[in-house]
């Protein structure tokens, strides 16, 4: 089953108190892989940057769990990303059994925070 989760985080500079000439930024998050075992989920996410500005990922949060192998904050520059595209991989460790569907909050600091739906679609082999 192909995962088709996309979230657009539209940032409105007026709401954030930005000045008039500040470019409006946007980031699209696509979850391309989410494989689970009992209490963890390995996730691969692709971030597509737009707006010609630096974006920062201050954190990813989920109810009942935490990201265990991704240092925050992460800074992304649309010029340094290949065609404005950055791939990140991380593991979500849950305190109880990992859910079959959930939302993760991606915190882009001053650019905003938004939910991303994650539906794990495959079991990790060799892990019990």
PDB file of N, CA and C in Angstrom:
ATOM      1  N   UNK A   1       0.847  -1.180   0.000  1.00  0.00           N
ATOM      2  CA  UNK A   1       0.000   0.000   0.000  1.00  0.00           C
ATOM      3  C   UNK A   1       0.890   1.240   0.000  1.00  0.00           C
ATOM      4  N   UNK A   2       0.696   2.086  -0.955  1.00  0.00           N
ATOM      5  CA  UNK A   2       1.514   3.305  -1.056  1.00  0.00           C
ATOM      6  C   UNK A   2       0.996   4.361  -0.095  1.00  0.00           C
ATOM      7  N   UNK A   3       1.925   5.014   0.561  1.00  0.00           N
ATOM      8  CA  UNK A   3       1.569   6.067   1.512  1.00  0.00           C
ATOM      9  C   UNK A   3       1.464   7.384   0.766  1.00  0.00           C
ATOM     10  N   UNK A   4       0.337   8.030   0.913  1.00  0.00           N
ATOM     11  CA  UNK A   4       0.123   9.305   0.224  1.00  0.00           C
ATOM     12  C   UNK A   4      -0.233  10.387   1.229  1.00  0.00           C
ATOM     13  N   UNK A   5       0.695  10.673   2.133  1.00  0.00           N
ATOM     14  CA  UNK A   5       0.441  11.709   3.131  1.00  0.00           C
ATOM     15  C   UNK A   5       1.243  12.955   2.766  1.00  0.00           C
ATOM     16  N   UNK A   6       0.533  13.994   2.508  1.00  0.00           N
ATOM     17  CA  UNK A   6       1.174  15.273   2.230  1.00  0.00           C
ATOM     18  C   UNK A   6       0.543  16.339   3.109  1.00  0.00           C
ATOM     19  N   UNK A   7       1.372  17.182   3.643  1.00  0.00           N
ATOM     20  CA  UNK A   7       0.850  18.297   4.427  1.00  0.00           C
ATOM     21  C   UNK A   7       1.542  19.553   3.924  1.00  0.00           C
ATOM     22  N   UNK A   8       0.753  20.538   3.676  1.00  0.00           N
ATOM     23  CA  UNK A   8       1.309  21.831   3.290  1.00  0.00           C
ATOM     24  C   UNK A   8       1.216  22.761   4.487  1.00  0.00           C
ATOM     25  N   UNK A   9       2.335  23.305   4.850  1.00  0.00           N
ATOM     26  CA  UNK A   9       2.354  24.295   5.924  1.00  0.00           C
ATOM     27  C   UNK A   9       2.530  25.663   5.270  1.00  0.00           C
ATOM     28  N   UNK A  10       1.447  26.396   5.201  1.00  0.00           N
ATOM     29  CA  UNK A  10       1.515  27.733   4.624  1.00  0.00           C
ATOM     30  C   UNK A  10       1.807  28.713   5.737  1.00  0.00           C
ATOM     31  N   UNK A  11       2.786  29.487   5.535  1.00  0.00           N
ATOM     32  CA  UNK A  11       3.201  30.439   6.551  1.00  0.00           C
ATOM     33  C   UNK A  11       2.744  31.830   6.122  1.00  0.00           C
ATOM     34  N   UNK A  12       2.010  32.476   6.966  1.00  0.00           N
ATOM     35  CA  UNK A  12       1.522  33.819   6.693  1.00  0.00           C
ATOM     36  C   UNK A  12       2.380  34.812   7.472  1.00  0.00           C
ATOM     37  N   UNK A  13       3.275  35.498   6.793  1.00  0.00           N
ATOM     38  CA  UNK A  13       4.179  36.421   7.486  1.00  0.00           C
ATOM     39  C   UNK A  13       3.460  37.446   8.349  1.00  0.00           C
ATOM     40  N   UNK A  14       2.303  37.900   7.932  1.00  0.00           N
ATOM     41  CA  UNK A  14       1.555  38.879   8.728  1.00  0.00           C
ATOM     42  C   UNK A  14       1.189  38.344  10.098  1.00  0.00           C
ATOM     43  N   UNK A  15       0.834  37.079  10.187  1.00  0.00           N
ATOM     44  CA  UNK A  15       0.480  36.486  11.466  1.00  0.00           C
ATOM     45  C   UNK A  15       1.697  36.279  12.358  1.00  0.00           C
ATOM     46  N   UNK A  16       2.853  36.135  11.732  1.00  0.00           N
ATOM     47  CA  UNK A  16       4.074  35.906  12.501  1.00  0.00           C
ATOM     48  C   UNK A  16       4.819  37.194  12.788  1.00  0.00           C
ATOM     49  N   UNK A  17       4.273  38.318  12.352  1.00  0.00           N
ATOM     50  CA  UNK A  17       4.907  39.605  12.615  1.00  0.00           C
ATOM     51  C   UNK A  17       6.094  39.886  11.716  1.00  0.00           C
ATOM     52  N   UNK A  18       6.165  39.227  10.566  1.00  0.00           N
ATOM     53  CA  UNK A  18       7.286  39.445   9.657  1.00  0.00           C
ATOM     54  C   UNK A  18       7.089  40.755   8.900  1.00  0.00           C
ATOM     55  N   UNK A  19       8.187  41.277   8.372  1.00  0.00           N
ATOM     56  CA  UNK A  19       8.086  42.529   7.648  1.00  0.00           C
ATOM     57  C   UNK A  19       7.536  42.308   6.240  1.00  0.00           C
ATOM     58  N   UNK A  20       7.177  43.398   5.601  1.00  0.00           N
ATOM     59  CA  UNK A  20       6.474  43.340   4.325  1.00  0.00           C
ATOM     60  C   UNK A  20       7.257  42.647   3.207  1.00  0.00           C
ATOM     61  N   UNK A  21       8.576  42.788   3.172  1.00  0.00           N
ATOM     62  CA  UNK A  21       9.378  42.198   2.100  1.00  0.00           C
ATOM     63  C   UNK A  21       9.842  40.775   2.403  1.00  0.00           C
ATOM     64  N   UNK A  22       9.434  40.221   3.510  1.00  0.00           N
ATOM     65  CA  UNK A  22       9.837  38.875   3.887  1.00  0.00           C
ATOM     66  C   UNK A  22       9.129  37.868   2.975  1.00  0.00           C
ATOM     67  N   UNK A  23       9.867  36.935   2.321  1.00  0.00           N
ATOM     68  CA  UNK A  23       9.219  35.987   1.421  1.00  0.00           C
ATOM     69  C   UNK A  23       8.337  35.000   2.191  1.00  0.00           C
ATOM     70  N   UNK A  24       7.222  34.625   1.564  1.00  0.00           N
ATOM     71  CA  UNK A  24       6.349  33.642   2.184  1.00  0.00           C
ATOM     72  C   UNK A  24       6.942  32.268   1.927  1.00  0.00           C
ATOM     73  N   UNK A  25       7.160  31.487   2.988  1.00  0.00           N
ATOM     74  CA  UNK A  25       7.759  30.173   2.853  1.00  0.00           C
ATOM     75  C   UNK A  25       6.719  29.086   2.926  1.00  0.00           C
ATOM     76  N   UNK A  26       7.070  27.935   2.376  1.00  0.00           N
ATOM     77  CA  UNK A  26       6.176  26.794   2.411  1.00  0.00           C
ATOM     78  C   UNK A  26       7.045  25.552   2.456  1.00  0.00           C
ATOM     79  N   UNK A  27       6.620  24.555   3.189  1.00  0.00           N
ATOM     80  CA  UNK A  27       7.306  23.280   3.178  1.00  0.00           C
ATOM     81  C   UNK A  27       6.244  22.195   3.055  1.00  0.00           C
ATOM     82  N   UNK A  28       6.525  21.225   2.237  1.00  0.00           N
ATOM     83  CA  UNK A  28       5.644  20.085   2.060  1.00  0.00           C
ATOM     84  C   UNK A  28       6.355  18.882   2.654  1.00  0.00           C
ATOM     85  N   UNK A  29       5.645  18.115   3.450  1.00  0.00           N
ATOM     86  CA  UNK A  29       6.218  16.922   4.073  1.00  0.00           C
ATOM     87  C   UNK A  29       5.526  15.710   3.486  1.00  0.00           C
ATOM     88  N   UNK A  30       6.318  14.789   2.945  1.00  0.00           N
ATOM     89  CA  UNK A  30       5.775  13.542   2.410  1.00  0.00           C
ATOM     90  C   UNK A  30       6.432  12.371   3.135  1.00  0.00           C
ATOM     91  N   UNK A  31       5.619  11.520   3.731  1.00  0.00           N
ATOM     92  CA  UNK A  31       6.128  10.315   4.384  1.00  0.00           C
ATOM     93  C   UNK A  31       6.196   9.237   3.309  1.00  0.00           C
ATOM     94  N   UNK A  32       7.408   8.759   3.007  1.00  0.00           N
ATOM     95  CA  UNK A  32       7.561   7.770   1.942  1.00  0.00           C
ATOM     96  C   UNK A  32       7.766   6.360   2.468  1.00  0.00           C
ATOM     97  N   UNK A  33       8.102   6.240   3.742  1.00  0.00           N
ATOM     98  CA  UNK A  33       8.284   4.924   4.341  1.00  0.00           C
ATOM     99  C   UNK A  33       7.992   5.014   5.827  1.00  0.00           C
ATOM    100  N   UNK A  34       7.238   4.052   6.332  1.00  0.00           N
ATOM    101  CA  UNK A  34       6.969   3.951   7.765  1.00  0.00           C
ATOM    102  C   UNK A  34       6.825   2.466   8.088  1.00  0.00           C
ATOM    103  N   UNK A  35       7.884   1.885   8.624  1.00  0.00           N
ATOM    104  CA  UNK A  35       7.896   0.459   8.951  1.00  0.00           C
ATOM    105  C   UNK A  35       7.919   0.319  10.469  1.00  0.00           C
ATOM    106  N   UNK A  36       7.072  -0.555  10.998  1.00  0.00           N
ATOM    107  CA  UNK A  36       6.960  -0.653  12.446  1.00  0.00           C
ATOM    108  C   UNK A  36       7.328  -2.028  12.972  1.00  0.00           C
ATOM    109  N   UNK A  37       7.723  -2.014  14.220  1.00  0.00           N
ATOM    110  CA  UNK A  37       7.829  -3.221  15.025  1.00  0.00           C
ATOM    111  C   UNK A  37       7.112  -2.866  16.322  1.00  0.00           C
ATOM    112  N   UNK A  38       7.087  -3.737  17.251  1.00  0.00           N
ATOM    113  CA  UNK A  38       6.287  -3.608  18.463  1.00  0.00           C
ATOM    114  C   UNK A  38       6.190  -2.198  19.031  1.00  0.00           C
ATOM    115  N   UNK A  39       7.314  -1.559  19.350  1.00  0.00           N
ATOM    116  CA  UNK A  39       7.289  -0.240  20.005  1.00  0.00           C
ATOM    117  C   UNK A  39       7.992   0.869  19.242  1.00  0.00           C
ATOM    118  N   UNK A  40       8.363   0.619  18.011  1.00  0.00           N
ATOM    119  CA  UNK A  40       9.040   1.686  17.259  1.00  0.00           C
ATOM    120  C   UNK A  40       8.614   1.678  15.799  1.00  0.00           C
ATOM    121  N   UNK A  41       8.818   2.830  15.176  1.00  0.00           N
ATOM    122  CA  UNK A  41       8.494   3.002  13.761  1.00  0.00           C
ATOM    123  C   UNK A  41       9.657   3.738  13.112  1.00  0.00           C
ATOM    124  N   UNK A  42      10.222   3.132  12.075  1.00  0.00           N
ATOM    125  CA  UNK A  42      11.253   3.802  11.280  1.00  0.00           C
ATOM    126  C   UNK A  42      10.552   4.580  10.180  1.00  0.00           C
ATOM    127  N   UNK A  43      10.873   5.862  10.098  1.00  0.00           N
ATOM    128  CA  UNK A  43      10.182   6.758   9.167  1.00  0.00           C
ATOM    129  C   UNK A  43      11.188   7.409   8.230  1.00  0.00           C
ATOM    130  N   UNK A  44      10.803   7.519   6.971  1.00  0.00           N
ATOM    131  CA  UNK A  44      11.557   8.298   5.991  1.00  0.00           C
ATOM    132  C   UNK A  44      10.625   9.385   5.499  1.00  0.00           C
ATOM    133  N   UNK A  45      11.067  10.623   5.621  1.00  0.00           N
ATOM    134  CA  UNK A  45      10.252  11.764   5.208  1.00  0.00           C
ATOM    135  C   UNK A  45      11.030  12.606   4.208  1.00  0.00           C
ATOM    136  N   UNK A  46      10.316  13.134   3.244  1.00  0.00           N
ATOM    137  CA  UNK A  46      10.911  14.030   2.272  1.00  0.00           C
ATOM    138  C   UNK A  46      10.301  15.411   2.495  1.00  0.00           C
ATOM    139  N   UNK A  47      11.172  16.408   2.640  1.00  0.00           N
ATOM    140  CA  UNK A  47      10.741  17.786   2.842  1.00  0.00           C
ATOM    141  C   UNK A  47      11.023  18.542   1.551  1.00  0.00           C
ATOM    142  N   UNK A  48      10.002  19.175   1.018  1.00  0.00           N
ATOM    143  CA  UNK A  48      10.139  19.967  -0.197  1.00  0.00           C
ATOM    144  C   UNK A  48      10.008  21.428   0.200  1.00  0.00           C
ATOM    145  N   UNK A  49      11.071  22.199  -0.038  1.00  0.00           N
ATOM    146  CA  UNK A  49      11.133  23.591   0.383  1.00  0.00           C
ATOM    147  C   UNK A  49      10.747  24.506  -0.766  1.00  0.00           C
ATOM    148  N   UNK A  50      10.099  25.601  -0.427  1.00  0.00           N
ATOM    149  CA  UNK A  50       9.715  26.599  -1.414  1.00  0.00           C
ATOM    150  C   UNK A  50       9.807  27.963  -0.741  1.00  0.00           C
ATOM    151  N   UNK A  51      10.185  28.939  -1.465  1.00  0.00           N
ATOM    152  CA  UNK A  51      10.207  30.284  -0.907  1.00  0.00           C
ATOM    153  C   UNK A  51      11.591  30.876  -0.811  1.00  0.00           C
ATOM    154  N   UNK A  52      12.636  30.125  -1.151  1.00  0.00           N
ATOM    155  CA  UNK A  52      13.979  30.664  -1.184  1.00  0.00           C
ATOM    156  C   UNK A  52      14.541  31.095   0.150  1.00  0.00           C
ATOM    157  N   UNK A  53      14.078  30.491   1.230  1.00  0.00           N
ATOM    158  CA  UNK A  53      14.603  30.876   2.538  1.00  0.00           C
ATOM    159  C   UNK A  53      15.019  29.632   3.314  1.00  0.00           C
ATOM    160  N   UNK A  54      15.766  29.873   4.369  1.00  0.00           N
ATOM    161  CA  UNK A  54      16.184  28.790   5.234  1.00  0.00           C
ATOM    162  C   UNK A  54      15.010  28.339   6.090  1.00  0.00           C
ATOM    163  N   UNK A  55      14.853  27.033   6.235  1.00  0.00           N
ATOM    164  CA  UNK A  55      13.829  26.472   7.113  1.00  0.00           C
ATOM    165  C   UNK A  55      14.543  25.731   8.232  1.00  0.00           C
ATOM    166  N   UNK A  56      13.918  25.674   9.369  1.00  0.00           N
ATOM    167  CA  UNK A  56      14.484  24.915  10.470  1.00  0.00           C
ATOM    168  C   UNK A  56      13.427  23.964  11.009  1.00  0.00           C
ATOM    169  N   UNK A  57      13.855  22.755  11.335  1.00  0.00           N
ATOM    170  CA  UNK A  57      12.981  21.767  11.952  1.00  0.00           C
ATOM    171  C   UNK A  57      13.415  21.672  13.405  1.00  0.00           C
ATOM    172  N   UNK A  58      12.596  22.244  14.291  1.00  0.00           N
ATOM    173  CA  UNK A  58      12.929  22.276  15.715  1.00  0.00           C
ATOM    174  C   UNK A  58      12.573  20.992  16.434  1.00  0.00           C
ATOM    175  N   UNK A  59      11.682  20.190  15.862  1.00  0.00           N
ATOM    176  CA  UNK A  59      11.311  18.947  16.508  1.00  0.00           C
ATOM    177  C   UNK A  59      10.147  18.262  15.832  1.00  0.00           C
ATOM    178  N   UNK A  60       9.971  17.002  16.198  1.00  0.00           N
ATOM    179  CA  UNK A  60       8.835  16.199  15.755  1.00  0.00           C
ATOM    180  C   UNK A  60       8.281  15.563  17.013  1.00  0.00           C
ATOM    181  N   UNK A  61       6.999  15.754  17.252  1.00  0.00           N
ATOM    182  CA  UNK A  61       6.419  15.171  18.461  1.00  0.00           C
ATOM    183  C   UNK A  61       5.227  14.289  18.114  1.00  0.00           C
ATOM    184  N   UNK A  62       5.052  13.239  18.910  1.00  0.00           N
ATOM    185  CA  UNK A  62       3.922  12.324  18.765  1.00  0.00           C
ATOM    186  C   UNK A  62       3.403  11.990  20.159  1.00  0.00           C
ATOM    187  N   UNK A  63       2.113  11.764  20.246  1.00  0.00           N
ATOM    188  CA  UNK A  63       1.526  11.370  21.527  1.00  0.00           C
ATOM    189  C   UNK A  63       2.025   9.973  21.898  1.00  0.00           C
ATOM    190  N   UNK A  64       2.524   9.839  23.117  1.00  0.00           N
ATOM    191  CA  UNK A  64       2.962   8.538  23.608  1.00  0.00           C
ATOM    192  C   UNK A  64       4.300   8.060  23.092  1.00  0.00           C
ATOM    193  N   UNK A  65       5.081   8.965  22.498  1.00  0.00           N
ATOM    194  CA  UNK A  65       6.366   8.543  21.962  1.00  0.00           C
ATOM    195  C   UNK A  65       7.317   9.704  21.762  1.00  0.00           C
ATOM    196  N   UNK A  66       8.491   9.390  21.207  1.00  0.00           N
ATOM    197  CA  UNK A  66       9.508  10.410  20.972  1.00  0.00           C
ATOM    198  C   UNK A  66      10.422  10.006  19.832  1.00  0.00           C
ATOM    199  N   UNK A  67      11.047  10.994  19.220  1.00  0.00           N
ATOM    200  CA  UNK A  67      12.068  10.748  18.197  1.00  0.00           C
ATOM    201  C   UNK A  67      13.368  10.456  18.926  1.00  0.00           C
ATOM    202  N   UNK A  68      14.028   9.338  18.567  1.00  0.00           N
ATOM    203  CA  UNK A  68      15.216   8.947  19.319  1.00  0.00           C
ATOM    204  C   UNK A  68      16.537   9.128  18.579  1.00  0.00           C
ATOM    205  N   UNK A  69      16.534   9.384  17.289  1.00  0.00           N
ATOM    206  CA  UNK A  69      17.818   9.426  16.578  1.00  0.00           C
ATOM    207  C   UNK A  69      17.950  10.569  15.575  1.00  0.00           C
ATOM    208  N   UNK A  70      17.336  11.701  15.868  1.00  0.00           N
ATOM    209  CA  UNK A  70      17.449  12.852  14.989  1.00  0.00           C
ATOM    210  C   UNK A  70      17.740  14.074  15.846  1.00  0.00           C
ATOM    211  N   UNK A  71      18.920  14.676  15.676  1.00  0.00           N
ATOM    212  CA  UNK A  71      19.265  15.838  16.501  1.00  0.00           C
ATOM    213  C   UNK A  71      18.525  17.090  16.025  1.00  0.00           C
ATOM    214  N   UNK A  72      17.993  17.844  16.959  1.00  0.00           N
ATOM    215  CA  UNK A  72      17.279  19.083  16.644  1.00  0.00           C
ATOM    216  C   UNK A  72      18.020  20.245  17.253  1.00  0.00           C
ATOM    217  N   UNK A  73      17.957  21.413  16.671  1.00  0.00           N
ATOM    218  CA  UNK A  73      17.261  21.759  15.438  1.00  0.00           C
ATOM    219  C   UNK A  73      18.066  21.359  14.202  1.00  0.00           C
ATOM    220  N   UNK A  74      17.343  21.130  13.100  1.00  0.00           N
ATOM    221  CA  UNK A  74      17.944  20.873  11.794  1.00  0.00           C
ATOM    222  C   UNK A  74      17.665  22.093  10.926  1.00  0.00           C
ATOM    223  N   UNK A  75      18.663  22.555  10.199  1.00  0.00           N
ATOM    224  CA  UNK A  75      18.501  23.724   9.336  1.00  0.00           C
ATOM    225  C   UNK A  75      18.602  23.291   7.878  1.00  0.00           C
ATOM    226  N   UNK A  76      17.663  23.763   7.057  1.00  0.00           N
ATOM    227  CA  UNK A  76      17.631  23.435   5.645  1.00  0.00           C
ATOM    228  C   UNK A  76      17.601  24.720   4.847  1.00  0.00           C
ATOM    229  N   UNK A  77      18.389  24.766   3.798  1.00  0.00           N
ATOM    230  CA  UNK A  77      18.436  25.915   2.913  1.00  0.00           C
ATOM    231  C   UNK A  77      17.955  25.447   1.555  1.00  0.00           C
ATOM    232  N   UNK A  78      17.016  26.152   0.955  1.00  0.00           N
ATOM    233  CA  UNK A  78      16.481  25.704  -0.332  1.00  0.00           C
ATOM    234  C   UNK A  78      17.557  25.683  -1.414  1.00  0.00           C
ATOM    235  N   UNK A  79      18.604  26.507  -1.268  1.00  0.00           N
ATOM    236  CA  UNK A  79      19.695  26.481  -2.243  1.00  0.00           C
ATOM    237  C   UNK A  79      20.573  25.247  -2.052  1.00  0.00           C
ATOM    238  N   UNK A  80      20.746  24.797  -0.813  1.00  0.00           N
ATOM    239  CA  UNK A  80      21.585  23.634  -0.531  1.00  0.00           C
ATOM    240  C   UNK A  80      20.874  22.319  -0.755  1.00  0.00           C
ATOM    241  N   UNK A  81      19.560  22.334  -0.780  1.00  0.00           N
ATOM    242  CA  UNK A  81      18.794  21.123  -1.009  1.00  0.00           C
ATOM    243  C   UNK A  81      18.713  20.855  -2.505  1.00  0.00           C
ATOM    244  N   UNK A  82      18.743  19.609  -2.871  1.00  0.00           N
ATOM    245  CA  UNK A  82      18.638  19.244  -4.281  1.00  0.00           C
ATOM    246  C   UNK A  82      17.226  19.563  -4.763  1.00  0.00           C
ATOM    247  N   UNK A  83      17.112  20.520  -5.656  1.00  0.00           N
ATOM    248  CA  UNK A  83      15.811  20.977  -6.159  1.00  0.00           C
ATOM    249  C   UNK A  83      14.861  21.330  -5.026  1.00  0.00           C
ATOM    250  N   UNK A  84      15.390  21.872  -3.929  1.00  0.00           N
ATOM    251  CA  UNK A  84      14.550  22.239  -2.804  1.00  0.00           C
ATOM    252  C   UNK A  84      14.037  21.042  -2.031  1.00  0.00           C
ATOM    253  N   UNK A  85      14.725  19.906  -2.116  1.00  0.00           N
ATOM    254  CA  UNK A  85      14.265  18.659  -1.528  1.00  0.00           C
ATOM    255  C   UNK A  85      15.296  18.131  -0.531  1.00  0.00           C
ATOM    256  N   UNK A  86      14.826  17.747   0.648  1.00  0.00           N
ATOM    257  CA  UNK A  86      15.688  17.170   1.686  1.00  0.00           C
ATOM    258  C   UNK A  86      15.030  15.904   2.207  1.00  0.00           C
ATOM    259  N   UNK A  87      15.832  14.851   2.388  1.00  0.00           N
ATOM    260  CA  UNK A  87      15.318  13.588   2.933  1.00  0.00           C
ATOM    261  C   UNK A  87      15.823  13.446   4.363  1.00  0.00           C
ATOM    262  N   UNK A  88      14.915  13.106   5.296  1.00  0.00           N
ATOM    263  CA  UNK A  88      15.313  12.829   6.678  1.00  0.00           C
ATOM    264  C   UNK A  88      14.761  11.468   7.077  1.00  0.00           C
ATOM    265  N   UNK A  89      15.537  10.742   7.849  1.00  0.00           N
ATOM    266  CA  UNK A  89      15.113   9.448   8.380  1.00  0.00           C
ATOM    267  C   UNK A  89      15.228   9.507   9.890  1.00  0.00           C
ATOM    268  N   UNK A  90      14.246   8.917  10.571  1.00  0.00           N
ATOM    269  CA  UNK A  90      14.260   8.929  12.026  1.00  0.00           C
ATOM    270  C   UNK A  90      13.439   7.765  12.556  1.00  0.00           C
ATOM    271  N   UNK A  91      13.614   7.490  13.843  1.00  0.00           N
ATOM    272  CA  UNK A  91      12.865   6.430  14.514  1.00  0.00           C
ATOM    273  C   UNK A  91      12.006   7.034  15.608  1.00  0.00           C
ATOM    274  N   UNK A  92      10.745   6.633  15.623  1.00  0.00           N
ATOM    275  CA  UNK A  92       9.831   7.013  16.693  1.00  0.00           C
ATOM    276  C   UNK A  92       9.736   5.839  17.653  1.00  0.00           C
ATOM    277  N   UNK A  93      10.057   6.081  18.903  1.00  0.00           N
ATOM    278  CA  UNK A  93       9.982   5.050  19.938  1.00  0.00           C
ATOM    279  C   UNK A  93       8.762   5.363  20.799  1.00  0.00           C
ATOM    280  N   UNK A  94       7.870   4.388  20.935  1.00  0.00           N
ATOM    281  CA  UNK A  94       6.648   4.571  21.714  1.00  0.00           C
ATOM    282  C   UNK A  94       6.781   3.903  23.075  1.00  0.00           C
ATOM    283  N   UNK A  95       6.084   4.456  24.058  1.00  0.00           N
ATOM    284  CA  UNK A  95       6.135   3.923  25.424  1.00  0.00           C
ATOM    285  C   UNK A  95       5.341   2.629  25.530  1.00  0.00           C
ATOM    286  N   UNK A  96       4.292   2.489  24.725  1.00  0.00           N
ATOM    287  CA  UNK A  96       3.519   1.256  24.606  1.00  0.00           C
ATOM    288  C   UNK A  96       3.627   0.798  23.156  1.00  0.00           C
ATOM    289  N   UNK A  97       2.758  -0.088  22.744  1.00  0.00           N
ATOM    290  CA  UNK A  97       2.772  -0.574  21.367  1.00  0.00           C
ATOM    291  C   UNK A  97       2.560   0.577  20.389  1.00  0.00           C
ATOM    292  N   UNK A  98       3.276   0.570  19.285  1.00  0.00           N
ATOM    293  CA  UNK A  98       3.171   1.622  18.270  1.00  0.00           C
ATOM    294  C   UNK A  98       1.779   1.596  17.640  1.00  0.00           C
ATOM    295  N   UNK A  99       1.188   2.772  17.425  1.00  0.00           N
ATOM    296  CA  UNK A  99      -0.153   2.825  16.831  1.00  0.00           C
ATOM    297  C   UNK A  99      -0.130   2.481  15.340  1.00  0.00           C
ATOM    298  N   UNK A 100      -1.298   2.126  14.804  1.00  0.00           N
ATOM    299  CA  UNK A 100      -1.412   1.790  13.382  1.00  0.00           C
ATOM    300  C   UNK A 100      -1.652   3.012  12.510  1.00  0.00           C
ATOM    301  N   UNK A 101      -2.070   4.109  13.118  1.00  0.00           N
ATOM    302  CA  UNK A 101      -2.257   5.378  12.416  1.00  0.00           C
ATOM    303  C   UNK A 101      -2.163   6.489  13.462  1.00  0.00           C
ATOM    304  N   UNK A 102      -1.462   7.567  13.140  1.00  0.00           N
ATOM    305  CA  UNK A 102      -1.299   8.664  14.094  1.00  0.00           C
ATOM    306  C   UNK A 102      -0.800   9.900  13.365  1.00  0.00           C
ATOM    307  N   UNK A 103      -0.868  11.016  14.049  1.00  0.00           N
ATOM    308  CA  UNK A 103      -0.328  12.264  13.517  1.00  0.00           C
ATOM    309  C   UNK A 103       0.929  12.645  14.275  1.00  0.00           C
ATOM    310  N   UNK A 104       1.915  13.106  13.550  1.00  0.00           N
ATOM    311  CA  UNK A 104       3.138  13.640  14.144  1.00  0.00           C
ATOM    312  C   UNK A 104       3.130  15.145  13.885  1.00  0.00           C
ATOM    313  N   UNK A 105       3.506  15.913  14.890  1.00  0.00           N
ATOM    314  CA  UNK A 105       3.580  17.369  14.733  1.00  0.00           C
ATOM    315  C   UNK A 105       5.004  17.756  14.334  1.00  0.00           C
ATOM    316  N   UNK A 106       5.142  18.355  13.178  1.00  0.00           N
ATOM    317  CA  UNK A 106       6.430  18.838  12.699  1.00  0.00           C
ATOM    318  C   UNK A 106       6.519  20.315  13.077  1.00  0.00           C
ATOM    319  N   UNK A 107       7.507  20.655  13.893  1.00  0.00           N
ATOM    320  CA  UNK A 107       7.681  22.015  14.391  1.00  0.00           C
ATOM    321  C   UNK A 107       8.786  22.698  13.590  1.00  0.00           C
ATOM    322  N   UNK A 108       8.396  23.642  12.744  1.00  0.00           N
ATOM    323  CA  UNK A 108       9.342  24.382  11.917  1.00  0.00           C
ATOM    324  C   UNK A 108       9.673  25.739  12.526  1.00  0.00           C
ATOM    325  N   UNK A 109       9.655  25.818  13.843  1.00  0.00           N
ATOM    326  CA  UNK A 109      10.050  27.029  14.553  1.00  0.00           C
ATOM    327  C   UNK A 109       9.250  28.229  14.125  1.00  0.00           C
ATOM    328  N   UNK A 110       9.942  29.323  13.757  1.00  0.00           N
ATOM    329  CA  UNK A 110       9.246  30.558  13.380  1.00  0.00           C
ATOM    330  C   UNK A 110       8.336  30.389  12.157  1.00  0.00           C
ATOM    331  N   UNK A 111       8.580  29.365  11.326  1.00  0.00           N
ATOM    332  CA  UNK A 111       7.756  29.170  10.134  1.00  0.00           C
ATOM    333  C   UNK A 111       6.435  28.462  10.437  1.00  0.00           C
ATOM    334  N   UNK A 112       6.298  27.856  11.618  1.00  0.00           N
ATOM    335  CA  UNK A 112       5.029  27.244  11.987  1.00  0.00           C
ATOM    336  C   UNK A 112       5.124  25.769  12.330  1.00  0.00           C
ATOM    337  N   UNK A 113       4.021  25.243  12.818  1.00  0.00           N
ATOM    338  CA  UNK A 113       3.909  23.849  13.218  1.00  0.00           C
ATOM    339  C   UNK A 113       2.691  23.246  12.540  1.00  0.00           C
ATOM    340  N   UNK A 114       2.800  21.982  12.121  1.00  0.00           N
ATOM    341  CA  UNK A 114       1.652  21.346  11.487  1.00  0.00           C
ATOM    342  C   UNK A 114       1.693  19.839  11.610  1.00  0.00           C
ATOM    343  N   UNK A 115       0.512  19.208  11.545  1.00  0.00           N
ATOM    344  CA  UNK A 115       0.418  17.757  11.666  1.00  0.00           C
ATOM    345  C   UNK A 115       0.701  17.047  10.348  1.00  0.00           C
ATOM    346  N   UNK A 116       1.288  15.853  10.463  1.00  0.00           N
ATOM    347  CA  UNK A 116       1.528  14.991   9.318  1.00  0.00           C
ATOM    348  C   UNK A 116       0.986  13.612   9.682  1.00  0.00           C
ATOM    349  N   UNK A 117       0.099  13.085   8.860  1.00  0.00           N
ATOM    350  CA  UNK A 117      -0.483  11.772   9.101  1.00  0.00           C
ATOM    351  C   UNK A 117       0.516  10.692   8.727  1.00  0.00           C
ATOM    352  N   UNK A 118       0.720   9.720   9.620  1.00  0.00           N
ATOM    353  CA  UNK A 118       1.628   8.607   9.359  1.00  0.00           C
ATOM    354  C   UNK A 118       0.847   7.309   9.525  1.00  0.00           C
ATOM    355  N   UNK A 119       0.882   6.487   8.480  1.00  0.00           N
ATOM    356  CA  UNK A 119       0.238   5.176   8.497  1.00  0.00           C
ATOM    357  C   UNK A 119       1.322   4.149   8.183  1.00  0.00           C
ATOM    358  N   UNK A 120       1.857   3.466   9.212  1.00  0.00           N
ATOM    359  CA  UNK A 120       2.879   2.447   8.945  1.00  0.00           C
ATOM    360  C   UNK A 120       2.295   1.375   8.031  1.00  0.00           C
ATOM    361  N   UNK A 121       3.046   1.011   7.000  1.00  0.00           N
ATOM    362  CA  UNK A 121       2.500   0.066   6.029  1.00  0.00           C
ATOM    363  C   UNK A 121       3.283  -1.227   5.908  1.00  0.00           C
ATOM    364  N   UNK A 122       4.348  -1.384   6.666  1.00  0.00           N
ATOM    365  CA  UNK A 122       5.094  -2.634   6.562  1.00  0.00           C
ATOM    366  C   UNK A 122       5.726  -2.988   7.897  1.00  0.00           C
ATOM    367  N   UNK A 123       5.875  -4.266   8.128  1.00  0.00           N
ATOM    368  CA  UNK A 123       6.494  -4.771   9.341  1.00  0.00           C
ATOM    369  C   UNK A 123       7.990  -4.911   9.073  1.00  0.00           C
ATOM    370  N   UNK A 124       8.822  -4.482  10.029  1.00  0.00           N
ATOM    371  CA  UNK A 124      10.265  -4.657   9.880  1.00  0.00           C
ATOM    372  C   UNK A 124      10.589  -6.129  10.048  1.00  0.00           C
ATOM    373  N   UNK A 125      11.344  -6.661   9.145  1.00  0.00           N
ATOM    374  CA  UNK A 125      11.700  -8.079   9.193  1.00  0.00           C
ATOM    375  C   UNK A 125      12.849  -8.310  10.163  1.00  0.00           C
ATOM    376  N   UNK A 126      12.790  -9.418  10.862  1.00  0.00           N
ATOM    377  CA  UNK A 126      13.862  -9.797  11.772  1.00  0.00           C
ATOM    378  C   UNK A 126      13.822  -9.111  13.113  1.00  0.00           C
ATOM    379  N   UNK A 127      12.806  -8.317  13.376  1.00  0.00           N
ATOM    380  CA  UNK A 127      12.689  -7.632  14.656  1.00  0.00           C
ATOM    381  C   UNK A 127      11.381  -8.066  15.302  1.00  0.00           C
ATOM    382  N   UNK A 128      11.445  -8.453  16.547  1.00  0.00           N
ATOM    383  CA  UNK A 128      10.224  -8.932  17.228  1.00  0.00           C
ATOM    384  C   UNK A 128       9.897  -8.052  18.408  1.00  0.00           C
TER     385      UNK A 128
END
